[in-house]
Amino acid sequence: MYTLGVEVPTIREAQKLLEEGYKLFPGQWIRHLTNTGKAAELIAKQCGDLDPEVALVLGMLHDIGYRYGNTGIKHSLLGYNFAMDRGYTKLAQICLTHSFDCKDIKKSFANWEVCSSEEYEFIDNYIKNVEYDDYDRLIQLCDSLSLPIGYCLLEKRMIDVALRHGVKDGVVDKWKKVFENKEYFEKKMGMSLYDVLPGVIENTFEK
């Protein structure tokens, strides 16, 4: 469906962009991206109808907007613009959709003060009108599974995010959607997510 080097960067280009991003804004976000990409690749290999390399690259770059610094939810729009400027249309979509499991942006953890009213309206309209496919859902799921240290139970990751951003109205709906995505991909794979992701027990319980 999507071609490396066309709608999505090549693996080599993705690695180059991560290296560049780290130089611009060093931090653990790079490890989170690397782990998200690997999780997406591992899950895609078990699905049969997804390209593992495309999944890997989309996971590796979904937060590429952080190359501009700690910009909060605006990183999604910055990543979208960055990818669109380079013609990577599917990556651009992922940069926006990964933050919004629910197609109601008010149910995200976002602090919208970092965005102008025009930027907010653009994101709102985009998410309401875009059609999510399995790559959008996969990166949303893998984003929720991946800590900088590796993979953990979804519940731990959810608490980690809630402790950092607070619990806002609509968060339960967002969490329900995460578990819907989990069940969806487990049905496609015919196994538990945790059967294909390494280190879940160790990272969850810090053994």
N, C-alpha and C. Protein backbone atom coordinates (compact mmCIF):
# COMPACT_ATOMS: atom_id res chain seq x y z
N MET A 1 0.82 -1.21 0.00
CA MET A 1 0.00 0.00 0.00
C MET A 1 0.86 1.26 0.00
N TYR A 2 1.90 1.26 0.82
CA TYR A 2 2.81 2.41 0.89
C TYR A 2 4.21 1.96 0.51
N THR A 3 4.96 2.87 -0.11
CA THR A 3 6.28 2.54 -0.64
C THR A 3 7.36 3.31 0.09
N LEU A 4 8.39 2.59 0.55
CA LEU A 4 9.52 3.25 1.16
C LEU A 4 10.20 4.16 0.15
N GLY A 5 10.50 5.37 0.57
CA GLY A 5 11.11 6.34 -0.33
C GLY A 5 10.10 7.18 -1.07
N VAL A 6 8.81 6.87 -0.90
CA VAL A 6 7.75 7.64 -1.56
C VAL A 6 6.85 8.27 -0.48
N GLU A 7 5.83 7.54 -0.04
CA GLU A 7 4.97 8.06 1.03
C GLU A 7 5.62 7.99 2.41
N VAL A 8 6.66 7.16 2.48
CA VAL A 8 7.35 6.88 3.75
C VAL A 8 8.86 6.92 3.47
N PRO A 9 9.67 7.49 4.36
CA PRO A 9 11.12 7.48 4.14
C PRO A 9 11.68 6.06 4.12
N THR A 10 12.85 5.89 3.54
CA THR A 10 13.54 4.61 3.62
C THR A 10 14.07 4.42 5.05
N ILE A 11 14.46 3.19 5.36
CA ILE A 11 15.02 2.92 6.69
C ILE A 11 16.29 3.73 6.89
N ARG A 12 17.11 3.81 5.88
CA ARG A 12 18.36 4.58 5.99
C ARG A 12 18.07 6.05 6.26
N GLU A 13 17.09 6.59 5.55
CA GLU A 13 16.72 8.00 5.76
C GLU A 13 16.14 8.21 7.15
N ALA A 14 15.34 7.25 7.61
CA ALA A 14 14.76 7.35 8.95
C ALA A 14 15.85 7.39 10.01
N GLN A 15 16.85 6.54 9.86
CA GLN A 15 17.97 6.52 10.81
C GLN A 15 18.72 7.85 10.79
N LYS A 16 18.90 8.39 9.60
CA LYS A 16 19.57 9.68 9.46
C LYS A 16 18.78 10.79 10.13
N LEU A 17 17.45 10.77 9.98
CA LEU A 17 16.60 11.79 10.59
C LEU A 17 16.61 11.69 12.11
N LEU A 18 16.69 10.47 12.64
CA LEU A 18 16.77 10.31 14.10
C LEU A 18 18.11 10.85 14.63
N GLU A 19 19.18 10.56 13.91
CA GLU A 19 20.49 11.08 14.33
C GLU A 19 20.50 12.60 14.31
N GLU A 20 19.92 13.16 13.27
CA GLU A 20 19.82 14.62 13.16
C GLU A 20 18.94 15.19 14.26
N GLY A 21 17.83 14.50 14.54
CA GLY A 21 16.92 14.95 15.59
C GLY A 21 17.57 14.95 16.95
N TYR A 22 18.39 13.94 17.22
CA TYR A 22 19.07 13.87 18.52
C TYR A 22 20.07 15.01 18.69
N LYS A 23 20.75 15.36 17.61
CA LYS A 23 21.70 16.48 17.67
C LYS A 23 20.97 17.80 17.95
N LEU A 24 19.79 17.95 17.36
CA LEU A 24 19.02 19.17 17.55
C LEU A 24 18.39 19.25 18.93
N PHE A 25 17.93 18.11 19.43
CA PHE A 25 17.24 18.08 20.72
C PHE A 25 17.51 16.74 21.41
N PRO A 26 18.65 16.61 22.07
CA PRO A 26 19.00 15.35 22.73
C PRO A 26 17.98 14.98 23.79
N GLY A 27 17.69 13.68 23.90
CA GLY A 27 16.75 13.24 24.92
C GLY A 27 16.30 11.81 24.71
N GLN A 28 15.53 11.31 25.67
CA GLN A 28 15.07 9.93 25.62
C GLN A 28 13.98 9.70 24.58
N TRP A 29 13.48 10.76 23.97
CA TRP A 29 12.46 10.59 22.94
C TRP A 29 12.97 9.74 21.78
N ILE A 30 14.27 9.77 21.54
CA ILE A 30 14.85 8.97 20.46
C ILE A 30 14.73 7.49 20.79
N ARG A 31 15.00 7.11 22.04
CA ARG A 31 14.86 5.71 22.43
C ARG A 31 13.40 5.27 22.36
N HIS A 32 12.51 6.14 22.75
CA HIS A 32 11.08 5.83 22.64
C HIS A 32 10.71 5.55 21.18
N LEU A 33 11.22 6.39 20.27
CA LEU A 33 10.92 6.20 18.86
C LEU A 33 11.50 4.88 18.34
N THR A 34 12.73 4.60 18.71
CA THR A 34 13.36 3.36 18.27
C THR A 34 12.57 2.15 18.74
N ASN A 35 12.13 2.18 19.99
CA ASN A 35 11.35 1.06 20.53
C ASN A 35 9.97 0.96 19.89
N THR A 36 9.36 2.10 19.62
CA THR A 36 8.05 2.09 18.96
C THR A 36 8.17 1.47 17.57
N GLY A 37 9.21 1.87 16.85
CA GLY A 37 9.42 1.31 15.51
C GLY A 37 9.62 -0.18 15.53
N LYS A 38 10.43 -0.66 16.46
CA LYS A 38 10.69 -2.10 16.55
C LYS A 38 9.43 -2.87 16.91
N ALA A 39 8.63 -2.32 17.83
CA ALA A 39 7.37 -2.98 18.19
C ALA A 39 6.44 -3.07 16.98
N ALA A 40 6.34 -1.98 16.23
CA ALA A 40 5.49 -1.97 15.04
C ALA A 40 5.96 -3.01 14.02
N GLU A 41 7.26 -3.12 13.86
CA GLU A 41 7.82 -4.10 12.93
C GLU A 41 7.49 -5.53 13.38
N LEU A 42 7.68 -5.82 14.66
CA LEU A 42 7.43 -7.17 15.17
C LEU A 42 5.97 -7.57 15.04
N ILE A 43 5.07 -6.63 15.33
CA ILE A 43 3.64 -6.91 15.22
C ILE A 43 3.23 -7.07 13.77
N ALA A 44 3.75 -6.19 12.90
CA ALA A 44 3.41 -6.26 11.47
C ALA A 44 3.84 -7.59 10.86
N LYS A 45 4.96 -8.15 11.31
CA LYS A 45 5.43 -9.43 10.79
C LYS A 45 4.45 -10.55 11.06
N GLN A 46 3.67 -10.41 12.12
CA GLN A 46 2.71 -11.45 12.50
C GLN A 46 1.34 -11.26 11.85
N CYS A 47 1.14 -10.12 11.22
CA CYS A 47 -0.20 -9.81 10.67
C CYS A 47 -0.40 -10.31 9.25
N GLY A 48 0.65 -10.34 8.46
CA GLY A 48 0.54 -10.86 7.10
C GLY A 48 0.15 -9.86 6.05
N ASP A 49 -0.63 -8.85 6.42
CA ASP A 49 -1.10 -7.87 5.43
C ASP A 49 -0.48 -6.49 5.66
N LEU A 50 0.53 -6.41 6.48
CA LEU A 50 1.23 -5.15 6.72
C LEU A 50 2.70 -5.31 6.36
N ASP A 51 3.31 -4.24 5.88
CA ASP A 51 4.73 -4.25 5.52
C ASP A 51 5.55 -3.93 6.77
N PRO A 52 6.33 -4.88 7.28
CA PRO A 52 7.11 -4.63 8.50
C PRO A 52 8.08 -3.46 8.39
N GLU A 53 8.66 -3.24 7.22
CA GLU A 53 9.61 -2.14 7.08
C GLU A 53 8.90 -0.79 7.09
N VAL A 54 7.75 -0.72 6.47
CA VAL A 54 6.95 0.51 6.52
C VAL A 54 6.52 0.78 7.97
N ALA A 55 6.08 -0.26 8.66
CA ALA A 55 5.68 -0.12 10.06
C ALA A 55 6.85 0.36 10.91
N LEU A 56 8.03 -0.21 10.68
CA LEU A 56 9.23 0.18 11.41
C LEU A 56 9.53 1.66 11.25
N VAL A 57 9.53 2.14 10.02
CA VAL A 57 9.86 3.55 9.75
C VAL A 57 8.81 4.49 10.34
N LEU A 58 7.55 4.15 10.19
CA LEU A 58 6.50 5.01 10.74
C LEU A 58 6.60 5.10 12.26
N GLY A 59 6.92 3.98 12.90
CA GLY A 59 7.10 4.01 14.34
C GLY A 59 8.33 4.81 14.74
N MET A 60 9.41 4.67 13.97
CA MET A 60 10.65 5.38 14.26
C MET A 60 10.50 6.90 14.18
N LEU A 61 9.57 7.36 13.37
CA LEU A 61 9.50 8.80 13.08
C LEU A 61 8.20 9.47 13.50
N HIS A 62 7.34 8.77 14.23
CA HIS A 62 6.03 9.37 14.53
C HIS A 62 6.15 10.62 15.39
N ASP A 63 7.21 10.74 16.18
CA ASP A 63 7.43 11.92 17.04
C ASP A 63 8.54 12.83 16.50
N ILE A 64 8.80 12.77 15.21
CA ILE A 64 9.93 13.52 14.66
C ILE A 64 9.77 15.03 14.87
N GLY A 65 8.56 15.49 15.16
CA GLY A 65 8.35 16.91 15.45
C GLY A 65 9.10 17.39 16.68
N TYR A 66 9.55 16.47 17.53
CA TYR A 66 10.33 16.86 18.70
C TYR A 66 11.74 17.32 18.34
N ARG A 67 12.11 17.20 17.08
CA ARG A 67 13.41 17.72 16.65
C ARG A 67 13.47 19.23 16.89
N TYR A 68 12.33 19.87 17.02
CA TYR A 68 12.27 21.31 17.26
C TYR A 68 12.25 21.66 18.75
N GLY A 69 12.32 20.65 19.60
CA GLY A 69 12.32 20.89 21.04
C GLY A 69 11.07 20.34 21.71
N ASN A 70 10.96 20.59 23.01
CA ASN A 70 9.82 20.10 23.78
C ASN A 70 8.63 21.02 23.57
N THR A 71 7.90 20.75 22.51
CA THR A 71 6.81 21.63 22.08
C THR A 71 5.43 21.10 22.44
N GLY A 72 5.37 20.07 23.31
CA GLY A 72 4.08 19.52 23.70
C GLY A 72 3.33 18.95 22.51
N ILE A 73 2.02 19.09 22.52
CA ILE A 73 1.20 18.51 21.45
C ILE A 73 1.51 19.11 20.09
N LYS A 74 2.13 20.27 20.07
CA LYS A 74 2.46 20.90 18.79
C LYS A 74 3.47 20.07 18.00
N HIS A 75 4.16 19.15 18.68
CA HIS A 75 5.12 18.30 17.96
C HIS A 75 4.42 17.51 16.85
N SER A 76 3.13 17.19 17.07
CA SER A 76 2.39 16.45 16.05
C SER A 76 2.25 17.26 14.76
N LEU A 77 1.91 18.53 14.91
CA LEU A 77 1.75 19.39 13.74
C LEU A 77 3.11 19.71 13.11
N LEU A 78 4.11 19.93 13.95
CA LEU A 78 5.46 20.20 13.43
C LEU A 78 5.98 19.00 12.64
N GLY A 79 5.72 17.80 13.16
CA GLY A 79 6.11 16.60 12.44
C GLY A 79 5.37 16.45 11.13
N TYR A 80 4.08 16.75 11.15
CA TYR A 80 3.27 16.71 9.93
C TYR A 80 3.85 17.64 8.87
N ASN A 81 4.13 18.88 9.26
CA ASN A 81 4.67 19.85 8.30
C ASN A 81 6.04 19.42 7.79
N PHE A 82 6.87 18.89 8.69
CA PHE A 82 8.20 18.42 8.33
C PHE A 82 8.12 17.33 7.26
N ALA A 83 7.23 16.35 7.49
CA ALA A 83 7.08 15.24 6.56
C ALA A 83 6.46 15.70 5.23
N MET A 84 5.45 16.55 5.30
CA MET A 84 4.82 17.04 4.08
C MET A 84 5.80 17.82 3.21
N ASP A 85 6.67 18.59 3.83
CA ASP A 85 7.67 19.36 3.08
C ASP A 85 8.58 18.44 2.27
N ARG A 86 8.72 17.20 2.73
CA ARG A 86 9.58 16.23 2.06
C ARG A 86 8.80 15.24 1.20
N GLY A 87 7.49 15.42 1.13
CA GLY A 87 6.65 14.58 0.29
C GLY A 87 6.26 13.25 0.90
N TYR A 88 6.55 13.06 2.19
CA TYR A 88 6.23 11.80 2.86
C TYR A 88 4.82 11.88 3.44
N THR A 89 3.85 11.66 2.59
CA THR A 89 2.46 11.92 2.95
C THR A 89 1.93 10.99 4.04
N LYS A 90 2.30 9.71 4.00
CA LYS A 90 1.80 8.79 5.03
C LYS A 90 2.48 9.07 6.36
N LEU A 91 3.76 9.36 6.35
CA LEU A 91 4.43 9.73 7.60
C LEU A 91 3.79 10.98 8.19
N ALA A 92 3.47 11.95 7.34
CA ALA A 92 2.82 13.17 7.82
C ALA A 92 1.52 12.84 8.53
N GLN A 93 0.74 11.95 7.94
CA GLN A 93 -0.52 11.55 8.56
C GLN A 93 -0.28 10.91 9.93
N ILE A 94 0.70 10.02 9.99
CA ILE A 94 1.02 9.34 11.25
C ILE A 94 1.45 10.33 12.32
N CYS A 95 2.21 11.35 11.92
CA CYS A 95 2.67 12.36 12.88
C CYS A 95 1.48 13.02 13.60
N LEU A 96 0.37 13.15 12.90
CA LEU A 96 -0.82 13.73 13.53
C LEU A 96 -1.68 12.67 14.21
N THR A 97 -1.94 11.57 13.54
CA THR A 97 -2.93 10.62 14.06
C THR A 97 -2.44 9.86 15.28
N HIS A 98 -1.13 9.72 15.48
CA HIS A 98 -0.65 8.90 16.59
C HIS A 98 -1.07 9.46 17.95
N SER A 99 -1.32 10.75 18.02
CA SER A 99 -1.68 11.39 19.29
C SER A 99 -3.17 11.29 19.61
N PHE A 100 -3.95 10.83 18.66
CA PHE A 100 -5.41 10.90 18.83
C PHE A 100 -6.06 9.56 18.52
N ASP A 101 -6.00 8.65 19.48
CA ASP A 101 -6.66 7.35 19.33
C ASP A 101 -8.14 7.56 19.07
N CYS A 102 -8.74 8.47 19.86
CA CYS A 102 -10.13 8.88 19.65
C CYS A 102 -10.15 10.01 18.62
N LYS A 103 -11.15 10.03 17.78
CA LYS A 103 -11.23 11.10 16.78
C LYS A 103 -11.91 12.34 17.36
N ASP A 104 -11.59 12.60 18.59
CA ASP A 104 -12.04 13.80 19.30
C ASP A 104 -10.81 14.32 20.03
N ILE A 105 -10.20 15.37 19.51
CA ILE A 105 -8.91 15.80 20.06
C ILE A 105 -9.03 16.35 21.48
N LYS A 106 -10.24 16.65 21.91
CA LYS A 106 -10.44 17.11 23.29
C LYS A 106 -10.17 15.99 24.30
N LYS A 107 -10.16 14.73 23.84
CA LYS A 107 -9.96 13.60 24.73
C LYS A 107 -8.50 13.18 24.83
N SER A 108 -7.60 14.00 24.30
CA SER A 108 -6.17 13.71 24.41
C SER A 108 -5.62 14.35 25.68
N PHE A 109 -4.33 14.08 25.95
CA PHE A 109 -3.67 14.68 27.10
C PHE A 109 -3.13 16.08 26.79
N ALA A 110 -3.46 16.59 25.62
CA ALA A 110 -2.81 17.79 25.11
C ALA A 110 -3.09 19.04 25.93
N ASN A 111 -2.07 19.87 26.05
CA ASN A 111 -2.20 21.24 26.53
C ASN A 111 -2.23 22.12 25.28
N TRP A 112 -3.39 22.60 24.92
CA TRP A 112 -3.56 23.30 23.65
C TRP A 112 -3.07 24.75 23.69
N GLU A 113 -2.58 25.20 24.81
CA GLU A 113 -2.07 26.57 24.90
C GLU A 113 -0.85 26.79 24.00
N VAL A 114 -0.17 25.70 23.64
CA VAL A 114 1.02 25.84 22.80
C VAL A 114 0.66 26.05 21.33
N CYS A 115 -0.61 25.89 20.98
CA CYS A 115 -1.06 26.03 19.60
C CYS A 115 -1.92 27.28 19.45
N SER A 116 -1.82 27.89 18.29
CA SER A 116 -2.70 29.01 17.97
C SER A 116 -4.10 28.47 17.67
N SER A 117 -5.07 29.34 17.61
CA SER A 117 -6.44 28.91 17.29
C SER A 117 -6.50 28.31 15.89
N GLU A 118 -5.70 28.86 14.97
CA GLU A 118 -5.67 28.33 13.61
C GLU A 118 -5.07 26.93 13.58
N GLU A 119 -4.02 26.71 14.37
CA GLU A 119 -3.39 25.39 14.43
C GLU A 119 -4.34 24.38 15.06
N TYR A 120 -5.01 24.78 16.11
CA TYR A 120 -5.98 23.89 16.77
C TYR A 120 -7.08 23.50 15.78
N GLU A 121 -7.59 24.46 15.06
CA GLU A 121 -8.68 24.19 14.10
C GLU A 121 -8.21 23.26 13.00
N PHE A 122 -6.98 23.46 12.53
CA PHE A 122 -6.44 22.58 11.48
C PHE A 122 -6.37 21.14 11.98
N ILE A 123 -5.79 20.95 13.18
CA ILE A 123 -5.66 19.60 13.72
C ILE A 123 -7.03 18.97 13.95
N ASP A 124 -7.95 19.74 14.50
CA ASP A 124 -9.30 19.24 14.77
C ASP A 124 -9.98 18.78 13.49
N ASN A 125 -9.93 19.60 12.46
CA ASN A 125 -10.56 19.25 11.18
C ASN A 125 -9.88 18.05 10.53
N TYR A 126 -8.56 18.02 10.63
CA TYR A 126 -7.81 16.93 10.00
C TYR A 126 -8.21 15.59 10.64
N ILE A 127 -8.19 15.54 11.96
CA ILE A 127 -8.48 14.28 12.66
C ILE A 127 -9.93 13.85 12.44
N LYS A 128 -10.83 14.79 12.40
CA LYS A 128 -12.24 14.44 12.17
C LYS A 128 -12.45 13.85 10.78
N ASN A 129 -11.66 14.27 9.80
CA ASN A 129 -11.91 13.89 8.42
C ASN A 129 -10.99 12.80 7.87
N VAL A 130 -9.85 12.57 8.51
CA VAL A 130 -8.94 11.57 7.98
C VAL A 130 -9.46 10.17 8.29
N GLU A 131 -9.18 9.23 7.41
CA GLU A 131 -9.58 7.83 7.62
C GLU A 131 -8.40 7.05 8.17
N TYR A 132 -8.52 6.54 9.38
CA TYR A 132 -7.45 5.75 9.98
C TYR A 132 -7.37 4.40 9.28
N ASP A 133 -6.14 3.95 8.99
CA ASP A 133 -5.96 2.59 8.50
C ASP A 133 -5.16 1.81 9.54
N ASP A 134 -4.76 0.59 9.20
CA ASP A 134 -4.10 -0.25 10.19
C ASP A 134 -2.74 0.30 10.62
N TYR A 135 -2.10 1.08 9.79
CA TYR A 135 -0.82 1.68 10.20
C TYR A 135 -1.05 2.77 11.24
N ASP A 136 -2.09 3.56 11.08
CA ASP A 136 -2.42 4.56 12.10
C ASP A 136 -2.70 3.88 13.43
N ARG A 137 -3.54 2.85 13.39
CA ARG A 137 -3.90 2.14 14.62
C ARG A 137 -2.68 1.43 15.24
N LEU A 138 -1.81 0.89 14.38
CA LEU A 138 -0.64 0.19 14.87
C LEU A 138 0.32 1.13 15.60
N ILE A 139 0.58 2.29 15.03
CA ILE A 139 1.50 3.23 15.67
C ILE A 139 0.88 3.80 16.94
N GLN A 140 -0.41 4.04 16.96
CA GLN A 140 -1.07 4.47 18.20
C GLN A 140 -0.84 3.44 19.29
N LEU A 141 -1.01 2.17 18.94
CA LEU A 141 -0.85 1.09 19.92
C LEU A 141 0.60 0.99 20.38
N CYS A 142 1.53 0.98 19.45
CA CYS A 142 2.94 0.81 19.80
C CYS A 142 3.47 2.01 20.57
N ASP A 143 2.96 3.19 20.29
CA ASP A 143 3.30 4.38 21.06
C ASP A 143 2.92 4.18 22.52
N SER A 144 1.78 3.53 22.74
CA SER A 144 1.29 3.30 24.10
C SER A 144 2.05 2.19 24.82
N LEU A 145 2.73 1.34 24.06
CA LEU A 145 3.45 0.20 24.65
C LEU A 145 4.89 0.51 24.99
N SER A 146 5.44 1.56 24.41
CA SER A 146 6.89 1.74 24.38
C SER A 146 7.39 2.83 25.31
N LEU A 147 8.21 2.42 26.26
CA LEU A 147 8.96 3.34 27.11
C LEU A 147 10.37 3.46 26.55
N PRO A 148 11.13 4.47 26.96
CA PRO A 148 12.53 4.55 26.51
C PRO A 148 13.34 3.30 26.87
N ILE A 149 12.99 2.63 27.98
CA ILE A 149 13.73 1.44 28.39
C ILE A 149 13.26 0.18 27.67
N GLY A 150 12.13 0.23 27.01
CA GLY A 150 11.60 -0.94 26.32
C GLY A 150 10.09 -1.02 26.43
N TYR A 151 9.57 -2.25 26.44
CA TYR A 151 8.13 -2.47 26.41
C TYR A 151 7.60 -2.86 27.79
N CYS A 152 6.34 -2.53 28.01
CA CYS A 152 5.72 -2.83 29.30
C CYS A 152 4.23 -3.07 29.09
N LEU A 153 3.56 -3.51 30.14
CA LEU A 153 2.10 -3.64 30.07
C LEU A 153 1.49 -2.27 29.77
N LEU A 154 0.43 -2.27 29.00
CA LEU A 154 -0.24 -1.02 28.65
C LEU A 154 -0.63 -0.22 29.87
N GLU A 155 -1.08 -0.92 30.90
CA GLU A 155 -1.53 -0.21 32.11
C GLU A 155 -0.41 0.62 32.73
N LYS A 156 0.82 0.10 32.72
CA LYS A 156 1.94 0.85 33.29
C LYS A 156 2.23 2.09 32.45
N ARG A 157 2.21 1.93 31.16
CA ARG A 157 2.46 3.06 30.27
C ARG A 157 1.40 4.15 30.45
N MET A 158 0.16 3.73 30.60
CA MET A 158 -0.93 4.69 30.80
C MET A 158 -0.73 5.50 32.08
N ILE A 159 -0.34 4.82 33.15
CA ILE A 159 -0.10 5.53 34.41
C ILE A 159 1.11 6.45 34.28
N ASP A 160 2.13 6.00 33.57
CA ASP A 160 3.31 6.83 33.34
C ASP A 160 2.92 8.15 32.67
N VAL A 161 2.09 8.07 31.63
CA VAL A 161 1.65 9.27 30.92
C VAL A 161 0.76 10.14 31.80
N ALA A 162 -0.14 9.49 32.54
CA ALA A 162 -1.06 10.24 33.42
C ALA A 162 -0.31 10.99 34.51
N LEU A 163 0.74 10.38 35.06
CA LEU A 163 1.52 11.04 36.10
C LEU A 163 2.25 12.27 35.56
N ARG A 164 2.65 12.21 34.29
CA ARG A 164 3.38 13.33 33.69
C ARG A 164 2.46 14.44 33.19
N HIS A 165 1.27 14.05 32.71
CA HIS A 165 0.39 15.03 32.06
C HIS A 165 -0.89 15.31 32.84
N GLY A 166 -1.17 14.49 33.86
CA GLY A 166 -2.42 14.65 34.57
C GLY A 166 -3.54 13.87 33.89
N VAL A 167 -4.64 13.67 34.63
CA VAL A 167 -5.79 12.95 34.09
C VAL A 167 -6.87 13.97 33.71
N LYS A 168 -7.22 13.98 32.45
CA LYS A 168 -8.17 14.97 31.95
C LYS A 168 -9.48 14.30 31.55
N ASP A 169 -10.50 15.12 31.33
CA ASP A 169 -11.78 14.60 30.85
C ASP A 169 -11.58 13.86 29.54
N GLY A 170 -12.19 12.72 29.41
CA GLY A 170 -12.10 11.96 28.17
C GLY A 170 -10.99 10.94 28.14
N VAL A 171 -10.13 10.91 29.18
CA VAL A 171 -9.00 9.99 29.15
C VAL A 171 -9.45 8.53 29.17
N VAL A 172 -10.55 8.24 29.83
CA VAL A 172 -11.04 6.86 29.86
C VAL A 172 -11.43 6.41 28.46
N ASP A 173 -12.05 7.29 27.69
CA ASP A 173 -12.39 6.95 26.30
C ASP A 173 -11.14 6.67 25.49
N LYS A 174 -10.09 7.46 25.73
CA LYS A 174 -8.82 7.26 25.03
C LYS A 174 -8.24 5.90 25.40
N TRP A 175 -8.27 5.56 26.69
CA TRP A 175 -7.73 4.27 27.13
C TRP A 175 -8.53 3.11 26.55
N LYS A 176 -9.84 3.27 26.48
CA LYS A 176 -10.67 2.22 25.89
C LYS A 176 -10.28 1.97 24.44
N LYS A 177 -9.98 3.04 23.72
CA LYS A 177 -9.59 2.90 22.32
C LYS A 177 -8.25 2.18 22.20
N VAL A 178 -7.34 2.45 23.12
CA VAL A 178 -6.06 1.74 23.12
C VAL A 178 -6.28 0.24 23.26
N PHE A 179 -7.16 -0.15 24.18
CA PHE A 179 -7.43 -1.57 24.38
C PHE A 179 -8.19 -2.17 23.19
N GLU A 180 -9.01 -1.37 22.52
CA GLU A 180 -9.65 -1.85 21.29
C GLU A 180 -8.60 -2.16 20.24
N ASN A 181 -7.61 -1.27 20.12
CA ASN A 181 -6.53 -1.51 19.16
C ASN A 181 -5.74 -2.76 19.53
N LYS A 182 -5.50 -2.94 20.81
CA LYS A 182 -4.79 -4.14 21.28
C LYS A 182 -5.54 -5.40 20.88
N GLU A 183 -6.82 -5.43 21.16
CA GLU A 183 -7.63 -6.60 20.83
C GLU A 183 -7.68 -6.82 19.32
N TYR A 184 -7.74 -5.73 18.56
CA TYR A 184 -7.80 -5.82 17.10
C TYR A 184 -6.55 -6.51 16.55
N PHE A 185 -5.39 -6.07 17.00
CA PHE A 185 -4.15 -6.63 16.47
C PHE A 185 -3.87 -8.03 17.03
N GLU A 186 -4.29 -8.29 18.23
CA GLU A 186 -4.12 -9.65 18.75
C GLU A 186 -4.97 -10.64 17.96
N LYS A 187 -6.14 -10.21 17.52
CA LYS A 187 -6.97 -11.08 16.69
C LYS A 187 -6.31 -11.32 15.34
N LYS A 188 -5.71 -10.27 14.76
CA LYS A 188 -5.02 -10.43 13.48
C LYS A 188 -3.82 -11.36 13.61
N MET A 189 -3.09 -11.24 14.74
CA MET A 189 -1.90 -12.05 14.93
C MET A 189 -2.21 -13.47 15.41
N GLY A 190 -3.34 -13.63 16.10
CA GLY A 190 -3.65 -14.92 16.69
C GLY A 190 -2.85 -15.22 17.94
N MET A 191 -2.41 -14.16 18.61
CA MET A 191 -1.61 -14.32 19.84
C MET A 191 -1.61 -13.00 20.60
N SER A 192 -1.09 -13.05 21.82
CA SER A 192 -0.98 -11.84 22.63
C SER A 192 0.14 -10.95 22.12
N LEU A 193 -0.06 -9.65 22.24
CA LEU A 193 1.02 -8.71 21.91
C LEU A 193 2.27 -9.03 22.70
N TYR A 194 2.08 -9.42 23.94
CA TYR A 194 3.21 -9.62 24.83
C TYR A 194 4.02 -10.86 24.48
N ASP A 195 3.49 -11.70 23.56
CA ASP A 195 4.24 -12.85 23.09
C ASP A 195 5.31 -12.46 22.07
N VAL A 196 5.17 -11.30 21.46
CA VAL A 196 6.12 -10.90 20.42
C VAL A 196 7.04 -9.75 20.85
N LEU A 197 6.73 -9.13 21.98
CA LEU A 197 7.55 -8.00 22.45
C LEU A 197 8.47 -8.46 23.58
N PRO A 198 9.76 -8.25 23.44
CA PRO A 198 10.70 -8.72 24.47
C PRO A 198 10.73 -7.80 25.69
N GLY A 199 11.01 -8.38 26.84
CA GLY A 199 11.29 -7.60 28.05
C GLY A 199 10.10 -7.01 28.76
N VAL A 200 8.88 -7.42 28.42
CA VAL A 200 7.68 -6.83 29.02
C VAL A 200 7.64 -7.04 30.53
N ILE A 201 7.89 -8.26 30.96
CA ILE A 201 7.84 -8.56 32.40
C ILE A 201 8.91 -7.78 33.15
N GLU A 202 10.13 -7.78 32.60
CA GLU A 202 11.24 -7.10 33.27
C GLU A 202 10.99 -5.60 33.36
N ASN A 203 10.51 -4.99 32.30
CA ASN A 203 10.29 -3.54 32.29
C ASN A 203 9.08 -3.14 33.11
N THR A 204 8.05 -3.98 33.13
CA THR A 204 6.84 -3.66 33.89
C THR A 204 7.12 -3.72 35.38
N PHE A 205 7.84 -4.76 35.79
CA PHE A 205 8.05 -4.99 37.21
C PHE A 205 9.47 -4.62 37.64
N GLU A 206 10.25 -4.06 36.69
CA GLU A 206 11.60 -3.54 36.95
C GLU A 206 12.47 -4.58 37.63
N LYS A 207 12.45 -5.79 37.05
CA LYS A 207 13.27 -6.87 37.59
C LYS A 207 14.70 -6.78 37.07
